[in-house]
Full PDB file with SEQRES, HELIX, SHEET, SSBOND, CRYST1, ORIGX, SCALE, CONECT and MASTER records, all heavy atoms in Angstrom:
SEQRES   1 A   35  VAL THR LEU PRO CYS THR PHE VAL LEU SER GLU GLU ASP          
SEQRES   2 A   35  GLU GLY PRO LEU ASP ILE GLU TRP VAL LEU ILE PRO ALA          
SEQRES   3 A   35  ASP ASN GLN LYS LYS GLU GLN THR ILE                          
SHEET    1 AA1 2 VAL A  22  LEU A  23  0                                        
SHEET    2 AA1 2 GLN A  33  THR A  34 -1                                        
CRYST1    1.000    1.000    1.000  90.00  90.00  90.00 P 1           1          
ORIGX1      1.000000  0.000000  0.000000        0.00000                         
ORIGX2      0.000000  1.000000  0.000000        0.00000                         
ORIGX3      0.000000  0.000000  1.000000        0.00000                         
SCALE1      1.000000  0.000000  0.000000        0.00000                         
SCALE2      0.000000  1.000000  0.000000        0.00000                         
SCALE3      0.000000  0.000000  1.000000        0.00000                         
ATOM      1  N   VAL A   1     106.932 101.468  82.777  1.00  0.00           N  
ATOM      2  CA  VAL A   1     105.894 100.452  82.915  1.00  0.00           C  
ATOM      3  C   VAL A   1     104.540 101.146  83.018  1.00  0.00           C  
ATOM      4  O   VAL A   1     104.448 102.252  83.548  1.00  0.00           O  
ATOM      5  CB  VAL A   1     106.132  99.544  84.148  1.00  0.00           C  
ATOM      6  CG1 VAL A   1     105.945 100.295  85.460  1.00  0.00           C  
ATOM      7  CG2 VAL A   1     105.239  98.310  84.115  1.00  0.00           C  
ATOM      8  N   THR A   2     103.519 100.502  82.467  1.00  0.00           N  
ATOM      9  CA  THR A   2     102.149 100.972  82.634  1.00  0.00           C  
ATOM     10  C   THR A   2     101.403  99.910  83.425  1.00  0.00           C  
ATOM     11  O   THR A   2     101.230  98.786  82.959  1.00  0.00           O  
ATOM     12  CB  THR A   2     101.460 101.203  81.273  1.00  0.00           C  
ATOM     13  OG1 THR A   2     102.192 102.198  80.546  1.00  0.00           O  
ATOM     14  CG2 THR A   2     100.021 101.685  81.463  1.00  0.00           C  
ATOM     15  N   LEU A   3     101.011 100.271  84.655  1.00  0.00           N  
ATOM     16  CA  LEU A   3     100.240  99.360  85.494  1.00  0.00           C  
ATOM     17  C   LEU A   3      98.761  99.608  85.188  1.00  0.00           C  
ATOM     18  O   LEU A   3      98.276 100.723  85.343  1.00  0.00           O  
ATOM     19  CB  LEU A   3     100.538  99.616  86.973  1.00  0.00           C  
ATOM     20  CG  LEU A   3     102.015  99.494  87.378  1.00  0.00           C  
ATOM     21  CD1 LEU A   3     102.176  99.771  88.868  1.00  0.00           C  
ATOM     22  CD2 LEU A   3     102.575  98.127  87.028  1.00  0.00           C  
ATOM     23  N   PRO A   4      98.036  98.562  84.722  1.00  0.00           N  
ATOM     24  CA  PRO A   4      96.677  98.779  84.239  1.00  0.00           C  
ATOM     25  C   PRO A   4      95.645  98.950  85.359  1.00  0.00           C  
ATOM     26  O   PRO A   4      95.724  98.298  86.394  1.00  0.00           O  
ATOM     27  CB  PRO A   4      96.390  97.514  83.435  1.00  0.00           C  
ATOM     28  CG  PRO A   4      97.241  96.467  84.083  1.00  0.00           C  
ATOM     29  CD  PRO A   4      98.467  97.173  84.576  1.00  0.00           C  
ATOM     30  N   CYS A   5      94.703  99.852  85.120  1.00  0.00           N  
ATOM     31  CA  CYS A   5      93.563 100.027  86.032  1.00  0.00           C  
ATOM     32  C   CYS A   5      92.423 100.650  85.220  1.00  0.00           C  
ATOM     33  O   CYS A   5      92.229 101.867  85.243  1.00  0.00           O  
ATOM     34  CB  CYS A   5      93.924 100.902  87.222  1.00  0.00           C  
ATOM     35  SG  CYS A   5      92.572 101.049  88.421  1.00  0.00           S  
ATOM     36  N   THR A   6      91.734  99.804  84.464  1.00  0.00           N  
ATOM     37  CA  THR A   6      90.584 100.287  83.703  1.00  0.00           C  
ATOM     38  C   THR A   6      89.318  99.893  84.448  1.00  0.00           C  
ATOM     39  O   THR A   6      89.301  98.904  85.186  1.00  0.00           O  
ATOM     40  CB  THR A   6      90.567  99.707  82.276  1.00  0.00           C  
ATOM     41  OG1 THR A   6      90.628  98.283  82.348  1.00  0.00           O  
ATOM     42  CG2 THR A   6      91.748 100.231  81.458  1.00  0.00           C  
ATOM     43  N   PHE A   7      88.279 100.694  84.263  1.00  0.00           N  
ATOM     44  CA  PHE A   7      87.057 100.471  85.028  1.00  0.00           C  
ATOM     45  C   PHE A   7      85.838 100.936  84.238  1.00  0.00           C  
ATOM     46  O   PHE A   7      85.959 101.707  83.281  1.00  0.00           O  
ATOM     47  CB  PHE A   7      87.122 101.214  86.378  1.00  0.00           C  
ATOM     48  CG  PHE A   7      87.346 102.695  86.238  1.00  0.00           C  
ATOM     49  CD1 PHE A   7      86.269 103.579  86.175  1.00  0.00           C  
ATOM     50  CD2 PHE A   7      88.628 103.217  86.158  1.00  0.00           C  
ATOM     51  CE1 PHE A   7      86.474 104.932  86.034  1.00  0.00           C  
ATOM     52  CE2 PHE A   7      88.843 104.586  86.012  1.00  0.00           C  
ATOM     53  CZ  PHE A   7      87.760 105.452  85.951  1.00  0.00           C  
ATOM     54  N   VAL A   8      84.685 100.409  84.640  1.00  0.00           N  
ATOM     55  CA  VAL A   8      83.413 100.875  84.092  1.00  0.00           C  
ATOM     56  C   VAL A   8      82.538 101.308  85.257  1.00  0.00           C  
ATOM     57  O   VAL A   8      82.559 100.706  86.327  1.00  0.00           O  
ATOM     58  CB  VAL A   8      82.692  99.791  83.244  1.00  0.00           C  
ATOM     59  CG1 VAL A   8      83.441  99.523  81.956  1.00  0.00           C  
ATOM     60  CG2 VAL A   8      82.493  98.512  84.020  1.00  0.00           C  
ATOM     61  N   LEU A   9      81.784 102.374  85.031  1.00  0.00           N  
ATOM     62  CA  LEU A   9      80.880 102.911  86.045  1.00  0.00           C  
ATOM     63  C   LEU A   9      79.465 102.434  85.740  1.00  0.00           C  
ATOM     64  O   LEU A   9      79.170 102.026  84.615  1.00  0.00           O  
ATOM     65  CB  LEU A   9      80.929 104.438  86.039  1.00  0.00           C  
ATOM     66  CG  LEU A   9      82.310 105.052  86.298  1.00  0.00           C  
ATOM     67  CD1 LEU A   9      82.273 106.560  86.090  1.00  0.00           C  
ATOM     68  CD2 LEU A   9      82.792 104.723  87.699  1.00  0.00           C  
ATOM     69  N   SER A  10      78.611 102.493  86.720  1.00  0.00           N  
ATOM     70  CA  SER A  10      77.211 102.178  86.488  1.00  0.00           C  
ATOM     71  C   SER A  10      76.380 103.429  86.785  1.00  0.00           C  
ATOM     72  O   SER A  10      76.867 104.378  87.394  1.00  0.00           O  
ATOM     73  CB  SER A  10      76.758 101.006  87.353  1.00  0.00           C  
ATOM     74  OG  SER A  10      76.492 101.439  88.664  1.00  0.00           O  
ATOM     75  N   GLU A  11      75.139 103.407  86.360  1.00  0.00           N  
ATOM     76  CA  GLU A  11      74.275 104.573  86.548  1.00  0.00           C  
ATOM     77  C   GLU A  11      74.042 104.885  88.009  1.00  0.00           C  
ATOM     78  O   GLU A  11      73.781 106.022  88.372  1.00  0.00           O  
ATOM     79  CB  GLU A  11      72.941 104.341  85.828  1.00  0.00           C  
ATOM     80  CG  GLU A  11      73.094 104.373  84.320  1.00  0.00           C  
ATOM     81  CD  GLU A  11      71.785 104.078  83.609  1.00  0.00           C  
ATOM     82  OE1 GLU A  11      70.725 104.151  84.256  1.00  0.00           O  
ATOM     83  OE2 GLU A  11      71.850 103.781  82.413  1.00  0.00           O  
ATOM     84  N   GLU A  12      74.149 103.866  88.852  1.00  0.00           N  
ATOM     85  CA  GLU A  12      73.911 104.122  90.276  1.00  0.00           C  
ATOM     86  C   GLU A  12      75.079 104.834  90.956  1.00  0.00           C  
ATOM     87  O   GLU A  12      74.946 105.331  92.066  1.00  0.00           O  
ATOM     88  CB  GLU A  12      73.587 102.811  91.001  1.00  0.00           C  
ATOM     89  CG  GLU A  12      74.743 101.839  91.046  1.00  0.00           C  
ATOM     90  CD  GLU A  12      74.333 100.444  91.482  1.00  0.00           C  
ATOM     91  OE1 GLU A  12      73.387  99.893  90.911  1.00  0.00           O  
ATOM     92  OE2 GLU A  12      74.979  99.919  92.414  1.00  0.00           O  
ATOM     93  N   ASP A  13      76.240 104.875  90.301  1.00  0.00           N  
ATOM     94  CA  ASP A  13      77.404 105.567  90.866  1.00  0.00           C  
ATOM     95  C   ASP A  13      77.271 107.059  90.570  1.00  0.00           C  
ATOM     96  O   ASP A  13      77.438 107.495  89.438  1.00  0.00           O  
ATOM     97  CB  ASP A  13      78.700 105.014  90.261  1.00  0.00           C  
ATOM     98  CG  ASP A  13      78.915 103.548  90.587  1.00  0.00           C  
ATOM     99  OD1 ASP A  13      78.645 103.165  91.740  1.00  0.00           O  
ATOM    100  OD2 ASP A  13      79.333 102.798  89.694  1.00  0.00           O  
ATOM    101  N   GLU A  14      76.981 107.835  91.611  1.00  0.00           N  
ATOM    102  CA  GLU A  14      76.674 109.251  91.409  1.00  0.00           C  
ATOM    103  C   GLU A  14      77.681 110.200  92.035  1.00  0.00           C  
ATOM    104  O   GLU A  14      77.701 111.379  91.721  1.00  0.00           O  
ATOM    105  CB  GLU A  14      75.281 109.564  91.989  1.00  0.00           C  
ATOM    106  CG  GLU A  14      74.178 108.810  91.286  1.00  0.00           C  
ATOM    107  CD  GLU A  14      72.830 109.034  91.941  1.00  0.00           C  
ATOM    108  OE1 GLU A  14      72.790 109.555  93.071  1.00  0.00           O  
ATOM    109  OE2 GLU A  14      71.817 108.682  91.314  1.00  0.00           O  
ATOM    110  N   GLY A  15      78.490 109.726  92.967  1.00  0.00           N  
ATOM    111  CA  GLY A  15      79.407 110.616  93.668  1.00  0.00           C  
ATOM    112  C   GLY A  15      80.558 111.059  92.781  1.00  0.00           C  
ATOM    113  O   GLY A  15      80.669 110.651  91.627  1.00  0.00           O  
ATOM    114  N   PRO A  16      81.446 111.901  93.317  1.00  0.00           N  
ATOM    115  CA  PRO A  16      82.620 112.325  92.548  1.00  0.00           C  
ATOM    116  C   PRO A  16      83.567 111.145  92.328  1.00  0.00           C  
ATOM    117  O   PRO A  16      83.651 110.252  93.166  1.00  0.00           O  
ATOM    118  CB  PRO A  16      83.270 113.395  93.424  1.00  0.00           C  
ATOM    119  CG  PRO A  16      82.759 113.130  94.795  1.00  0.00           C  
ATOM    120  CD  PRO A  16      81.412 112.501  94.662  1.00  0.00           C  
ATOM    121  N   LEU A  17      84.252 111.148  91.202  1.00  0.00           N  
ATOM    122  CA  LEU A  17      85.184 110.073  90.873  1.00  0.00           C  
ATOM    123  C   LEU A  17      86.529 110.327  91.546  1.00  0.00           C  
ATOM    124  O   LEU A  17      87.101 111.405  91.410  1.00  0.00           O  
ATOM    125  CB  LEU A  17      85.374 109.976  89.353  1.00  0.00           C  
ATOM    126  CG  LEU A  17      86.394 108.947  88.868  1.00  0.00           C  
ATOM    127  CD1 LEU A  17      85.938 107.527  89.208  1.00  0.00           C  
ATOM    128  CD2 LEU A  17      86.620 109.091  87.375  1.00  0.00           C  
ATOM    129  N   ASP A  18      87.014 109.329  92.262  1.00  0.00           N  
ATOM    130  CA  ASP A  18      88.346 109.374  92.873  1.00  0.00           C  
ATOM    131  C   ASP A  18      89.120 108.155  92.406  1.00  0.00           C  
ATOM    132  O   ASP A  18      88.605 107.034  92.460  1.00  0.00           O  
ATOM    133  CB  ASP A  18      88.274 109.310  94.401  1.00  0.00           C  
ATOM    134  CG  ASP A  18      87.836 110.612  95.039  1.00  0.00           C  
ATOM    135  OD1 ASP A  18      87.939 111.654  94.389  1.00  0.00           O  
ATOM    136  OD2 ASP A  18      87.386 110.572  96.202  1.00  0.00           O  
ATOM    137  N   ILE A  19      90.350 108.375  91.960  1.00  0.00           N  
ATOM    138  CA  ILE A  19      91.246 107.275  91.605  1.00  0.00           C  
ATOM    139  C   ILE A  19      92.531 107.505  92.385  1.00  0.00           C  
ATOM    140  O   ILE A  19      93.108 108.592  92.323  1.00  0.00           O  
ATOM    141  CB  ILE A  19      91.553 107.249  90.094  1.00  0.00           C  
ATOM    142  CG1 ILE A  19      90.263 107.180  89.279  1.00  0.00           C  
ATOM    143  CG2 ILE A  19      92.468 106.071  89.760  1.00  0.00           C  
ATOM    144  CD1 ILE A  19      90.452 107.464  87.806  1.00  0.00           C  
ATOM    145  N   GLU A  20      92.959 106.487  93.102  1.00  0.00           N  
ATOM    146  CA  GLU A  20      94.152 106.635  93.930  1.00  0.00           C  
ATOM    147  C   GLU A  20      95.061 105.433  93.731  1.00  0.00           C  
ATOM    148  O   GLU A  20      94.608 104.295  93.748  1.00  0.00           O  
ATOM    149  CB  GLU A  20      93.745 106.741  95.409  1.00  0.00           C  
ATOM    150  CG  GLU A  20      94.900 106.921  96.353  1.00  0.00           C  
ATOM    151  CD  GLU A  20      94.455 106.949  97.820  1.00  0.00           C  
ATOM    152  OE1 GLU A  20      93.301 106.577  98.114  1.00  0.00           O  
ATOM    153  OE2 GLU A  20      95.287 107.318  98.655  1.00  0.00           O  
ATOM    154  N   TRP A  21      96.349 105.689  93.521  1.00  0.00           N  
ATOM    155  CA  TRP A  21      97.363 104.636  93.458  1.00  0.00           C  
ATOM    156  C   TRP A  21      98.203 104.722  94.725  1.00  0.00           C  
ATOM    157  O   TRP A  21      98.688 105.794  95.081  1.00  0.00           O  
ATOM    158  CB  TRP A  21      98.269 104.823  92.242  1.00  0.00           C  
ATOM    159  CG  TRP A  21      97.696 104.257  90.981  1.00  0.00           C  
ATOM    160  CD1 TRP A  21      96.981 104.932  90.034  1.00  0.00           C  
ATOM    161  CD2 TRP A  21      97.802 102.908  90.518  1.00  0.00           C  
ATOM    162  NE1 TRP A  21      96.641 104.089  89.008  1.00  0.00           N  
ATOM    163  CE2 TRP A  21      97.130 102.835  89.280  1.00  0.00           C  
ATOM    164  CE3 TRP A  21      98.390 101.750  91.024  1.00  0.00           C  
ATOM    165  CZ2 TRP A  21      97.041 101.659  88.547  1.00  0.00           C  
ATOM    166  CZ3 TRP A  21      98.305 100.577  90.297  1.00  0.00           C  
ATOM    167  CH2 TRP A  21      97.636 100.535  89.074  1.00  0.00           C  
ATOM    168  N   VAL A  22      98.364 103.580  95.393  1.00  0.00           N  
ATOM    169  CA  VAL A  22      99.200 103.536  96.590  1.00  0.00           C  
ATOM    170  C   VAL A  22     100.245 102.437  96.443  1.00  0.00           C  
ATOM    171  O   VAL A  22     100.039 101.461  95.728  1.00  0.00           O  
ATOM    172  CB  VAL A  22      98.366 103.307  97.878  1.00  0.00           C  
ATOM    173  CG1 VAL A  22      97.409 104.454  98.120  1.00  0.00           C  
ATOM    174  CG2 VAL A  22      97.637 101.985  97.849  1.00  0.00           C  
ATOM    175  N   LEU A  23     101.357 102.630  97.129  1.00  0.00           N  
ATOM    176  CA  LEU A  23     102.415 101.624  97.220  1.00  0.00           C  
ATOM    177  C   LEU A  23     102.279 100.981  98.589  1.00  0.00           C  
ATOM    178  O   LEU A  23     102.306 101.670  99.608  1.00  0.00           O  
ATOM    179  CB  LEU A  23     103.785 102.279  97.046  1.00  0.00           C  
ATOM    180  CG  LEU A  23     105.010 101.381  97.213  1.00  0.00           C  
ATOM    181  CD1 LEU A  23     104.975 100.191  96.267  1.00  0.00           C  
ATOM    182  CD2 LEU A  23     106.282 102.188  96.990  1.00  0.00           C  
ATOM    183  N   ILE A  24     102.084  99.659  98.594  1.00  0.00           N  
ATOM    184  CA  ILE A  24     101.902  98.936  99.848  1.00  0.00           C  
ATOM    185  C   ILE A  24     103.265  98.412 100.288  1.00  0.00           C  
ATOM    186  O   ILE A  24     103.896  97.641  99.565  1.00  0.00           O  
ATOM    187  CB  ILE A  24     100.911  97.772  99.667  1.00  0.00           C  
ATOM    188  CG1 ILE A  24      99.550  98.328  99.219  1.00  0.00           C  
ATOM    189  CG2 ILE A  24     100.771  96.968 100.952  1.00  0.00           C  
ATOM    190  CD1 ILE A  24      98.576  97.273  98.763  1.00  0.00           C  
ATOM    191  N   PRO A  25     103.748  98.826 101.453  1.00  0.00           N  
ATOM    192  CA  PRO A  25     105.093  98.391 101.878  1.00  0.00           C  
ATOM    193  C   PRO A  25     105.122  96.914 102.216  1.00  0.00           C  
ATOM    194  O   PRO A  25     104.119  96.330 102.646  1.00  0.00           O  
ATOM    195  CB  PRO A  25     105.362  99.245 103.127  1.00  0.00           C  
ATOM    196  CG  PRO A  25     104.020  99.642 103.621  1.00  0.00           C  
ATOM    197  CD  PRO A  25     103.096  99.683 102.439  1.00  0.00           C  
ATOM    198  N   ALA A  26     106.285  96.298 102.010  1.00  0.00           N  
ATOM    199  CA  ALA A  26     106.462  94.877 102.337  1.00  0.00           C  
ATOM    200  C   ALA A  26     106.333  94.680 103.842  1.00  0.00           C  
ATOM    201  O   ALA A  26     105.847  93.656 104.309  1.00  0.00           O  
ATOM    202  CB  ALA A  26     107.822  94.397 101.841  1.00  0.00           C  
ATOM    203  N   ASP A  27     106.763  95.669 104.613  1.00  0.00           N  
ATOM    204  CA  ASP A  27     106.659  95.627 106.065  1.00  0.00           C  
ATOM    205  C   ASP A  27     105.266  96.122 106.455  1.00  0.00           C  
ATOM    206  O   ASP A  27     104.958  97.302 106.293  1.00  0.00           O  
ATOM    207  CB  ASP A  27     107.749  96.521 106.676  1.00  0.00           C  
ATOM    208  CG  ASP A  27     107.688  96.578 108.197  1.00  0.00           C  
ATOM    209  OD1 ASP A  27     106.761  95.992 108.784  1.00  0.00           O  
ATOM    210  OD2 ASP A  27     108.571  97.226 108.792  1.00  0.00           O  
ATOM    211  N   ASN A  28     104.423  95.217 106.964  1.00  0.00           N  
ATOM    212  CA  ASN A  28     103.050  95.620 107.253  1.00  0.00           C  
ATOM    213  C   ASN A  28     102.925  96.530 108.469  1.00  0.00           C  
ATOM    214  O   ASN A  28     101.829  96.948 108.819  1.00  0.00           O  
ATOM    215  CB  ASN A  28     102.121  94.396 107.368  1.00  0.00           C  
ATOM    216  CG  ASN A  28     102.516  93.475 108.501  1.00  0.00           C  
ATOM    217  OD1 ASN A  28     103.351  93.815 109.332  1.00  0.00           O  
ATOM    218  ND2 ASN A  28     101.912  92.297 108.543  1.00  0.00           N  
ATOM    219  N   GLN A  29     104.031  96.860 109.108  1.00  0.00           N  
ATOM    220  CA  GLN A  29     104.006  97.832 110.202  1.00  0.00           C  
ATOM    221  C   GLN A  29     104.018  99.268 109.662  1.00  0.00           C  
ATOM    222  O   GLN A  29     103.669 100.207 110.354  1.00  0.00           O  
ATOM    223  CB  GLN A  29     105.218  97.634 111.129  1.00  0.00           C  
ATOM    224  CG  GLN A  29     105.274  96.268 111.785  1.00  0.00           C  
ATOM    225  CD  GLN A  29     104.032  95.972 112.621  1.00  0.00           C  
ATOM    226  OE1 GLN A  29     103.617  96.783 113.430  1.00  0.00           O  
ATOM    227  NE2 GLN A  29     103.425  94.817 112.382  1.00  0.00           N  
ATOM    228  N   LYS A  30     104.449  99.413 108.403  1.00  0.00           N  
ATOM    229  CA  LYS A  30     104.503 100.748 107.796  1.00  0.00           C  
ATOM    230  C   LYS A  30     103.197 101.016 107.064  1.00  0.00           C  
ATOM    231  O   LYS A  30     102.528 100.098 106.610  1.00  0.00           O  
ATOM    232  CB  LYS A  30     105.680 100.837 106.824  1.00  0.00           C  
ATOM    233  CG  LYS A  30     107.022 100.718 107.505  1.00  0.00           C  
ATOM    234  CD  LYS A  30     108.149 100.839 106.508  1.00  0.00           C  
ATOM    235  CE  LYS A  30     109.490 100.746 107.202  1.00  0.00           C  
ATOM    236  NZ  LYS A  30     110.591 100.616 106.268  1.00  0.00           N  
ATOM    237  N   LYS A  31     102.848 102.307 106.931  1.00  0.00           N  
ATOM    238  CA  LYS A  31     101.590 102.599 106.254  1.00  0.00           C  
ATOM    239  C   LYS A  31     101.804 102.733 104.758  1.00  0.00           C  
ATOM    240  O   LYS A  31     102.899 103.055 104.293  1.00  0.00           O  
ATOM    241  CB  LYS A  31     100.914 103.830 106.855  1.00  0.00           C  
ATOM    242  CG  LYS A  31     101.604 105.155 106.644  1.00  0.00           C  
ATOM    243  CD  LYS A  31     100.845 106.239 107.403  1.00  0.00           C  
ATOM    244  CE  LYS A  31     101.221 107.623 106.952  1.00  0.00           C  
ATOM    245  NZ  LYS A  31     100.526 108.120 105.813  1.00  0.00           N  
ATOM    246  N   GLU A  32     100.731 102.479 104.009  1.00  0.00           N  
ATOM    247  CA  GLU A  32     100.834 102.578 102.562  1.00  0.00           C  
ATOM    248  C   GLU A  32     101.077 104.029 102.155  1.00  0.00           C  
ATOM    249  O   GLU A  32     100.714 104.964 102.860  1.00  0.00           O  
ATOM    250  CB  GLU A  32      99.592 102.006 101.886  1.00  0.00           C  
ATOM    251  CG  GLU A  32      98.293 102.638 102.297  1.00  0.00           C  
ATOM    252  CD  GLU A  32      97.086 101.888 101.751  1.00  0.00           C  
ATOM    253  OE1 GLU A  32      97.076 100.645 101.718  1.00  0.00           O  
ATOM    254  OE2 GLU A  32      96.132 102.570 101.371  1.00  0.00           O  
ATOM    255  N   GLN A  33     101.732 104.193 101.004  1.00  0.00           N  
ATOM    256  CA  GLN A  33     102.149 105.508 100.530  1.00  0.00           C  
ATOM    257  C   GLN A  33     101.352 105.889  99.288  1.00  0.00           C  
ATOM    258  O   GLN A  33     101.366 105.159  98.302  1.00  0.00           O  
ATOM    259  CB  GLN A  33     103.657 105.457 100.195  1.00  0.00           C  
ATOM    260  CG  GLN A  33     104.217 106.722  99.643  1.00  0.00           C  
ATOM    261  CD  GLN A  33     104.238 107.834 100.681  1.00  0.00           C  
ATOM    262  OE1 GLN A  33     104.778 107.668 101.766  1.00  0.00           O  
ATOM    263  NE2 GLN A  33     103.663 108.962 100.337  1.00  0.00           N  
ATOM    264  N   THR A  34     100.646 107.010  99.345  1.00  0.00           N  
ATOM    265  CA  THR A  34      99.926 107.483  98.169  1.00  0.00           C  
ATOM    266  C   THR A  34     100.941 107.986  97.141  1.00  0.00           C  
ATOM    267  O   THR A  34     101.845 108.754  97.474  1.00  0.00           O  
ATOM    268  CB  THR A  34      98.948 108.621  98.535  1.00  0.00           C  
ATOM    269  OG1 THR A  34      98.003 108.109  99.474  1.00  0.00           O  
ATOM    270  CG2 THR A  34      98.213 109.137  97.307  1.00  0.00           C  
ATOM    271  N   ILE A  35     100.783 107.539  95.888  1.00  0.00           N  
ATOM    272  CA  ILE A  35     101.703 107.929  94.815  1.00  0.00           C  
ATOM    273  C   ILE A  35     101.091 109.028  93.955  1.00  0.00           C  
ATOM    274  O   ILE A  35     101.733 110.027  93.652  1.00  0.00           O  
ATOM    275  CB  ILE A  35     102.030 106.705  93.933  1.00  0.00           C  
ATOM    276  CG1 ILE A  35     102.736 105.655  94.770  1.00  0.00           C  
ATOM    277  CG2 ILE A  35     102.873 107.095  92.744  1.00  0.00           C  
ATOM    278  CD1 ILE A  35     102.839 104.339  94.087  1.00  0.00           C  
TER     279      ILE A  35                                                      
MASTER        0    0    0    0    2    0    0    6  278    1    0    3          
END                                                                             
């Protein structure tokens, strides 16, 4: 599967680019997991 995440930047965005995918658990007592 390809989960889509396309984006456009603006000129005011100057910092380093970070893209992060996380898995959010069904149990909200558990913390999300970086994939």
